[in-house]
Protein backbone atom coordinates (compact mmCIF):
# COMPACT_ATOMS: atom_id res chain seq x y z
CA MET A 1 -0.06 0.28 -0.05
CA LEU A 2 2.50 2.50 0.85
CA GLN A 3 4.66 1.89 -2.29
CA LYS A 4 1.28 2.71 -4.14
CA ILE A 5 1.05 5.66 -1.99
CA ASN A 6 4.68 6.52 -2.92
CA ASN A 7 4.12 6.13 -6.97
CA ALA A 8 1.04 8.14 -6.54
CA LYS A 9 3.01 10.99 -4.78
CA ASN A 10 6.19 10.42 -7.64
CA SER A 11 4.12 10.42 -10.52
CA GLY A 12 1.69 13.54 -9.55
CA GLN A 13 -1.54 11.54 -9.24
CA LYS A 14 -3.88 12.34 -6.22
CA LEU A 15 -5.51 10.17 -4.22
CA LEU A 16 -9.11 9.75 -2.74
CA ALA A 17 -9.59 8.36 0.52
CA LEU A 18 -13.06 7.33 1.90
CA LEU A 19 -13.50 7.22 5.91
CA ILE A 20 -15.94 5.13 7.17
CA ASP A 21 -16.41 4.70 11.72
CA PRO A 22 -17.08 1.33 12.48
CA ASP A 23 -20.32 2.54 14.69
CA LYS A 24 -22.10 3.39 11.27
CA VAL A 25 -21.08 0.08 9.93
CA GLU A 26 -24.96 -1.92 10.73
CA ASN A 27 -26.62 1.86 9.25
CA GLY A 28 -28.16 1.84 6.30
CA GLY A 29 -27.13 2.22 3.16
CA LEU A 30 -23.63 1.48 3.80
CA GLU A 31 -24.40 -1.13 0.36
CA ASN A 32 -24.98 1.76 -1.82
CA LEU A 33 -22.39 3.88 -0.48
CA LEU A 34 -18.96 1.36 -0.80
CA PHE A 35 -20.64 0.24 -4.29
CA ASP A 36 -20.86 4.26 -5.37
CA ALA A 37 -16.91 4.39 -4.32
CA THR A 38 -15.80 1.54 -6.02
CA GLN A 39 -17.74 2.79 -9.48
CA PHE A 40 -16.27 6.39 -9.33
CA GLY A 41 -13.27 6.17 -8.62
CA ILE A 42 -12.04 5.70 -4.18
CA ASP A 43 -8.26 4.46 -4.19
CA PHE A 44 -9.06 3.38 -0.22
CA ILE A 45 -11.27 3.12 2.67
CA PHE A 46 -10.37 4.28 5.90
CA PHE A 47 -11.66 2.31 8.48
CA GLY A 48 -11.71 3.97 12.27
CA GLY A 49 -12.57 6.00 14.48
CA SER A 50 -11.45 7.69 17.76
CA LEU A 51 -14.95 6.85 19.99
CA VAL A 52 -16.08 3.10 18.67
CA GLU A 53 -18.36 1.33 20.72
CA SER A 54 -19.41 -1.84 21.03
CA VAL A 55 -18.59 -2.77 17.76
CA ASN A 56 -16.64 -6.09 16.50
CA ILE A 57 -13.82 -5.06 14.53
CA ASP A 58 -13.54 -8.11 12.43
CA ASN A 59 -17.11 -8.25 11.62
CA ALA A 60 -17.52 -4.89 10.22
CA ILE A 61 -13.94 -5.93 7.86
CA LYS A 62 -15.77 -8.36 6.48
CA LYS A 63 -19.13 -7.02 5.65
CA ILE A 64 -16.60 -4.13 3.55
CA LYS A 65 -15.23 -6.75 2.23
CA GLY A 66 -18.03 -8.24 1.35
CA LEU A 67 -19.25 -5.52 -0.47
CA THR A 68 -16.08 -3.51 -2.15
CA GLN A 69 -12.72 -5.14 -3.18
CA LEU A 70 -11.28 -1.76 -2.47
CA PRO A 71 -8.23 -1.75 -0.19
CA ILE A 72 -9.11 -1.14 3.65
CA ILE A 73 -6.89 0.65 5.88
CA ILE A 74 -7.13 0.95 9.51
CA PHE A 75 -7.44 4.61 10.74
CA PRO A 76 -7.04 3.42 14.77
CA GLY A 77 -8.05 5.40 17.62
CA SER A 78 -6.55 2.97 19.71
CA SER A 79 -4.54 -0.13 20.45
CA LEU A 80 -8.04 -1.76 20.19
CA GLN A 81 -8.54 -1.57 17.06
CA ILE A 82 -6.20 -4.15 15.09
CA SER A 83 -8.00 -6.69 12.90
CA ASN A 84 -5.99 -8.53 10.81
CA GLU A 85 -9.43 -8.51 8.27
CA ALA A 86 -8.13 -4.91 7.03
CA ASP A 87 -5.60 -4.50 4.39
CA CYS A 88 -2.92 -1.99 6.34
CA ILE A 89 -2.91 0.05 9.18
CA LEU A 90 -1.75 3.40 9.83
CA PHE A 91 0.41 3.09 13.13
CA LEU A 92 -0.58 6.78 14.12
CA SER A 93 1.72 8.97 16.95
CA LEU A 94 0.05 12.40 17.88
CA LEU A 95 3.09 14.39 17.11
CA SER A 96 1.28 17.32 17.73
CA GLY A 97 0.35 16.97 20.83
CA ARG A 98 2.24 15.93 24.25
CA ASN A 99 0.09 13.01 25.90
CA PRO A 100 2.72 10.39 25.92
CA GLU A 101 -0.65 8.00 25.91
CA TYR A 102 -0.79 8.99 21.69
CA LEU A 103 2.36 9.72 21.75
CA VAL A 104 3.96 6.66 22.03
CA GLY A 105 1.90 4.39 25.06
CA GLN A 106 -0.90 2.89 22.53
CA GLN A 107 1.78 1.76 20.23
CA VAL A 108 3.50 0.12 22.77
CA ILE A 109 0.79 -1.35 23.28
CA ALA A 110 -0.07 -2.60 19.71
CA ALA A 111 3.47 -3.58 18.34
CA PRO A 112 3.06 -7.30 19.42
CA MET A 113 0.02 -7.47 17.56
CA LEU A 114 1.08 -5.98 14.93
CA LYS A 115 4.70 -7.65 14.87
CA LYS A 116 2.73 -11.04 14.88
CA SER A 117 -0.19 -9.70 12.07
CA SER A 118 -0.27 -9.65 7.91
CA LEU A 119 -0.96 -6.56 8.20
CA GLU A 120 0.86 -3.91 5.98
CA VAL A 121 2.33 -1.12 9.06
CA ILE A 122 2.76 2.66 7.39
CA SER A 123 3.79 4.40 10.35
CA THR A 124 2.58 8.18 10.79
CA ALA A 125 3.39 11.43 12.38
CA TYR A 126 -0.49 12.09 12.64
CA LEU A 127 -0.44 16.27 13.36
CA LEU A 128 -4.11 17.32 15.03
CA ILE A 129 -5.21 21.23 13.17
CA ASP A 130 -7.53 23.10 14.76
CA GLY A 131 -10.40 22.73 13.27
CA GLY A 132 -12.44 25.60 14.49
CA ARG A 133 -14.49 23.25 17.14
CA ILE A 134 -13.05 20.68 20.01
CA THR A 135 -13.43 17.04 18.25
CA THR A 136 -13.79 13.77 19.67
CA ALA A 137 -9.98 13.37 18.65
CA ASN A 138 -8.86 16.16 20.93
CA TYR A 139 -11.30 14.99 23.97
CA VAL A 140 -10.04 11.44 23.29
CA SER A 141 -6.35 11.91 23.15
CA ASN A 142 -6.35 15.56 26.14
CA THR A 143 -4.37 17.38 23.39
CA LEU A 144 -4.73 20.80 21.52
CA PRO A 145 -4.64 20.88 18.19
CA ILE A 146 -1.92 23.12 16.32
CA PRO A 147 -3.60 26.71 16.25
CA ARG A 148 -4.74 27.28 12.39
CA ASP A 149 -2.30 30.36 12.48
CA LYS A 150 0.64 28.80 13.25
CA LYS A 151 2.18 26.80 10.33
CA GLU A 152 5.65 26.73 11.70
CA ILE A 153 4.60 24.71 14.31
CA SER A 154 3.16 22.01 11.42
CA ASN A 155 6.16 22.95 9.36
CA ASN A 156 8.51 21.88 12.70
CA THR A 157 6.57 18.98 13.66
CA ALA A 158 6.76 17.75 9.93
CA ILE A 159 10.54 18.20 9.41
CA ALA A 160 10.75 16.22 13.33
CA ALA A 161 8.37 13.82 11.83
CA GLU A 162 10.59 12.95 8.48
CA LEU A 163 13.64 12.72 10.90
CA PHE A 164 11.98 10.22 12.96
CA GLY A 165 12.12 8.45 10.28
CA PHE A 166 8.21 7.87 9.38
CA SER A 167 6.92 6.97 6.10
CA CYS A 168 3.33 9.42 6.16
CA ILE A 169 2.51 12.90 7.16
CA TYR A 170 -1.63 13.05 8.47
CA LEU A 171 -2.89 16.46 9.14
CA ASP A 172 -6.43 16.07 10.42
CA ALA A 173 -8.89 19.13 11.45
CA GLY A 174 -10.73 16.20 12.52
CA SER A 175 -13.92 14.70 12.26
CA GLY A 176 -16.60 16.75 11.60
CA ALA A 177 -14.59 19.93 12.32
CA LEU A 178 -16.54 23.39 11.00
CA PHE A 179 -13.51 24.66 9.06
CA GLU A 180 -10.30 22.18 6.72
CA VAL A 181 -7.01 22.27 7.29
CA PRO A 182 -6.15 25.93 5.81
CA ALA A 183 -4.14 25.73 3.20
CA ASP A 184 -1.15 27.32 4.00
CA ILE A 185 -0.73 24.91 6.57
CA ILE A 186 -0.58 22.01 3.58
CA GLU A 187 1.68 24.40 1.51
CA GLY A 188 3.86 24.71 4.30
CA VAL A 189 4.37 21.03 5.22
CA ALA A 190 4.21 19.68 1.72
CA LYS A 191 7.35 22.32 0.93
CA ASN A 192 9.36 21.67 4.08
CA VAL A 193 9.67 17.46 3.41
CA ASP A 194 9.20 14.64 1.11
CA LEU A 195 6.69 12.40 2.66
CA PRO A 196 3.45 11.41 1.20
CA LEU A 197 1.48 14.12 2.91
CA ILE A 198 -2.47 12.90 4.29
CA VAL A 199 -4.94 15.31 4.80
CA GLY A 200 -8.06 14.84 6.10
CA GLY A 201 -11.29 17.05 8.20
CA GLY A 202 -13.95 19.77 7.35
CA ILE A 203 -13.07 18.67 3.74
CA ASP A 204 -17.64 18.95 2.68
CA SER A 205 -17.07 20.66 -0.56
CA VAL A 206 -15.05 20.12 -4.12
CA GLU A 207 -14.14 23.50 -3.70
CA LYS A 208 -11.78 22.59 -0.90
CA LEU A 209 -11.15 19.25 -2.35
CA ASN A 210 -9.05 20.53 -5.03
CA LEU A 211 -7.91 23.50 -2.93
CA ALA A 212 -6.10 20.75 -0.01
CA TYR A 213 -4.86 19.13 -3.60
CA GLN A 214 -3.22 22.28 -5.32
CA SER A 215 -1.43 22.64 -1.45
CA GLY A 216 0.43 19.72 -1.75
CA ALA A 217 -2.06 16.93 -0.05
CA ASP A 218 -1.60 13.69 -1.87
CA ILE A 219 -4.43 11.99 0.04
CA ALA A 220 -7.79 13.78 0.58
CA VAL A 221 -10.23 12.25 3.19
CA ILE A 222 -13.83 12.63 3.18
CA GLY A 223 -16.45 10.88 5.50
CA THR A 224 -18.39 13.51 7.53
CA SER A 225 -20.17 15.68 4.16
CA ILE A 226 -20.70 11.64 2.29
CA GLU A 227 -22.16 10.72 5.19
CA THR A 228 -24.70 13.49 5.29
CA GLU A 229 -24.60 13.67 1.21
CA PRO A 230 -24.31 10.23 -0.06
CA LYS A 231 -24.41 12.25 -3.84
CA LYS A 232 -21.60 14.37 -3.08
CA LEU A 233 -19.04 10.93 -3.56
CA LYS A 234 -19.66 11.15 -7.45
CA GLU A 235 -18.45 15.15 -7.32
CA PHE A 236 -15.39 14.08 -5.36
CA CYS A 237 -14.58 11.22 -6.95
CA ASN A 238 -14.82 13.40 -10.42
CA ALA A 239 -13.01 16.56 -9.17
CA LYS A 240 -9.98 13.92 -8.26
CA ASN A 241 -9.78 12.25 -11.42
CA LEU A 242 -10.16 15.67 -13.25
CA MET A 243 -7.35 17.16 -11.41
CA ASN A 244 -4.95 13.26 -12.04
CA GLU A 245 -6.42 14.11 -15.39
CA ASN A 246 -5.14 18.02 -15.36
CA SER A 247 -1.59 16.82 -14.02
CA PRO A 248 1.40 18.61 -15.45
CA ILE A 249 3.08 15.22 -15.63
CA ASN A 250 0.39 14.00 -17.38
CA ASN A 251 0.42 17.28 -20.39
């Protein structure tokens, strides 16, 4: 999976991930959503969240796999969200915060399980960016997000992540954010590091998606807006496909 991400970055191709909350797998509409995701051009299913209630992770992923052949990448909120049913997992470290539990604590707990698993593990530096409201990720992790007007903090944190040896960087405004990650923060990180850049949270329009890509995002993540307006999925996929068709590398 990481090779696919790196190849896309090197060829100037943008990728699009659909985030599915485990607690909503049993909700109606999943079959149609995954059919559309496959048909329209979603590249990955991100599966997970900061707060997962009484959901059997294995069964939830099996259900998704029964409806689509798209790669499933776990986006874990804790060491409890590990399943060999998925294809890959983002091994996240919350570098924007100072809570050791999410910097390394949960990772130490998960490490032996991941070592024995069949999952591809992608080490990912996770940076929470202020999205205009307290999100579940902020609350559960007990950390402050990077202020929207402090791009030097996100730049320096991203540089530290690259020096640490992380494989990817994830800038996230959080699920249900009022505002997306600012373009200048995306641009600053993209210019300062050579790692693939994932951006999510608050991307609820084609305009915001295009701006994220133009600012340097390699993978954009959509989720909450699709839950409320499933018809937007085609618009987002079309925008990504058009962006790739017009890529300077392809012309």
